[in-house]
Each structure stands twice: as structure tokens, then as C-alpha cells.
Protein backbone atom coordinates (compact mmCIF):
# COMPACT_ATOMS: atom_id res chain seq x y z
CA MET A 1 0.05 -0.07 0.08
CA PRO A 2 1.70 3.84 -0.65
CA SER A 3 3.01 5.12 2.03
CA GLY A 4 0.15 8.14 3.55
CA GLN A 5 -2.55 6.06 2.06
CA ASN A 6 -5.66 7.68 3.77
CA LEU A 7 -9.18 6.55 3.86
CA LEU A 8 -10.73 7.70 1.20
CA GLY A 9 -8.39 6.29 -0.85
CA MET A 10 -8.64 3.11 0.22
CA GLU A 11 -12.47 3.58 -0.43
CA LYS A 12 -12.06 4.98 -4.23
CA ASN A 13 -9.83 2.31 -4.61
CA TRP A 14 -12.72 -0.68 -2.99
CA PHE A 15 -15.50 1.03 -5.10
CA GLU A 16 -13.02 0.75 -8.46
CA CYS A 17 -12.08 -2.79 -7.31
CA ILE A 18 -16.19 -3.60 -7.33
CA ARG A 19 -16.51 -1.80 -10.38
CA SER A 20 -13.29 -4.29 -12.03
CA GLY A 21 -13.40 -6.97 -10.70
CA LYS A 22 -9.75 -6.78 -9.39
CA PRO A 23 -8.23 -7.05 -6.75
CA PRO A 24 -8.53 -4.52 -4.07
CA ILE A 25 -5.46 -2.89 -2.35
CA GLY A 26 -6.89 -4.69 0.87
CA ASN A 27 -7.62 -8.11 0.07
CA ILE A 28 -8.07 -10.77 3.03
CA ASP A 29 -5.20 -12.67 2.47
CA LEU A 30 -3.33 -9.71 3.20
CA ALA A 31 -5.16 -8.95 6.28
CA LEU A 32 -4.69 -12.63 7.50
CA ARG A 33 -0.78 -12.50 7.42
CA VAL A 34 -1.31 -9.46 9.32
CA GLN A 35 -4.02 -10.73 12.13
CA THR A 36 -1.62 -13.78 12.57
CA VAL A 37 1.57 -12.00 13.41
CA ILE A 38 -0.60 -9.10 15.32
CA SER A 39 -2.33 -12.54 17.41
CA LEU A 40 1.26 -13.89 18.16
CA ALA A 41 2.88 -10.69 19.04
CA GLU A 42 -0.07 -10.60 21.67
CA MET A 43 1.14 -13.94 22.86
CA SER A 44 3.72 -12.93 23.04
CA GLN A 45 3.29 -10.88 24.99
CA ARG A 46 1.30 -12.47 27.81
CA LEU A 47 3.25 -15.41 27.80
CA ASN A 48 6.12 -13.87 27.67
CA VAL A 49 7.91 -15.95 25.33
CA ALA A 50 8.91 -15.68 21.52
CA CYS A 51 6.04 -17.86 19.36
CA LEU A 52 6.21 -18.48 15.71
CA PHE A 53 3.60 -19.91 13.04
CA ASP A 54 4.05 -22.51 11.01
CA GLU A 55 2.00 -21.99 7.88
CA ARG A 56 2.86 -25.71 7.03
CA SER A 57 1.60 -27.59 11.01
CA ARG A 58 -0.97 -24.37 11.12
CA LYS A 59 0.52 -24.70 14.55
CA ILE A 60 1.84 -22.11 17.64
CA THR A 61 5.06 -22.68 18.67
CA THR A 62 8.29 -21.35 21.00
CA GLY A 63 11.05 -21.76 18.25
CA PRO A 64 12.20 -24.90 15.90
CA GLU A 65 11.99 -27.20 18.38
CA GLY A 66 9.70 -25.62 20.99
CA ARG A 67 7.38 -26.41 22.29
CA VAL A 68 3.76 -26.28 20.74
CA LEU A 69 1.38 -24.21 22.39
CA GLU A 70 -2.60 -23.31 22.47
CA PRO A 71 -3.74 -20.55 20.97
CA ILE A 72 -5.01 -17.15 23.85
CA THR A 73 -8.46 -16.50 23.47
CA TYR A 74 -10.28 -14.12 25.67
CA GLY A 75 -10.20 -15.47 29.69
CA THR A 76 -7.50 -18.39 28.86
CA LEU A 77 -5.37 -16.79 31.16
CA ALA A 78 -6.14 -14.56 34.04
CA ASN A 79 -6.78 -11.26 34.49
CA SER A 80 -7.76 -11.49 30.46
């Protein structure tokens, strides 16, 4: 996405894509990748470990040879 892209520019791109059938700048593939990074960062902070995501196995681990972690959700941890 170009630097400085604003909400109106995104809206314009969205309507252009509806009319032309082209994929939008912010498509679902990008959204999934971004949300994965955000969720891993939150888990890392809450659990105080580095969390890695293996795209093939779809598992979260603490490293290449680390333990497998279950995804956390609201209510999984105390004080969440």
C-alpha cells in the first residue's frame, strides 16, 4: 500500500475493484497475514515467550525445536 494512503483512497480503491473485478489493495490474504502477526505478538507479550507460527502445520510454537502452544483467547489466562 502506498505511503500516506488514507481512508478515502482505500474507499475509492474498493469501489474501483467492485466495478472492475480487480482485487483491492487490502484483500483478505493481507488481512489474515497481518492478524496472524498481531495475534502472535499479543501471545508473546502475555506469555513472555517468543511465539512462531508454522504455516504448514498451522501450529504455534516457542521456536524451531520448542513446545507447541495452544492459541489464547479472552478468558484463557487470568486477568484477561
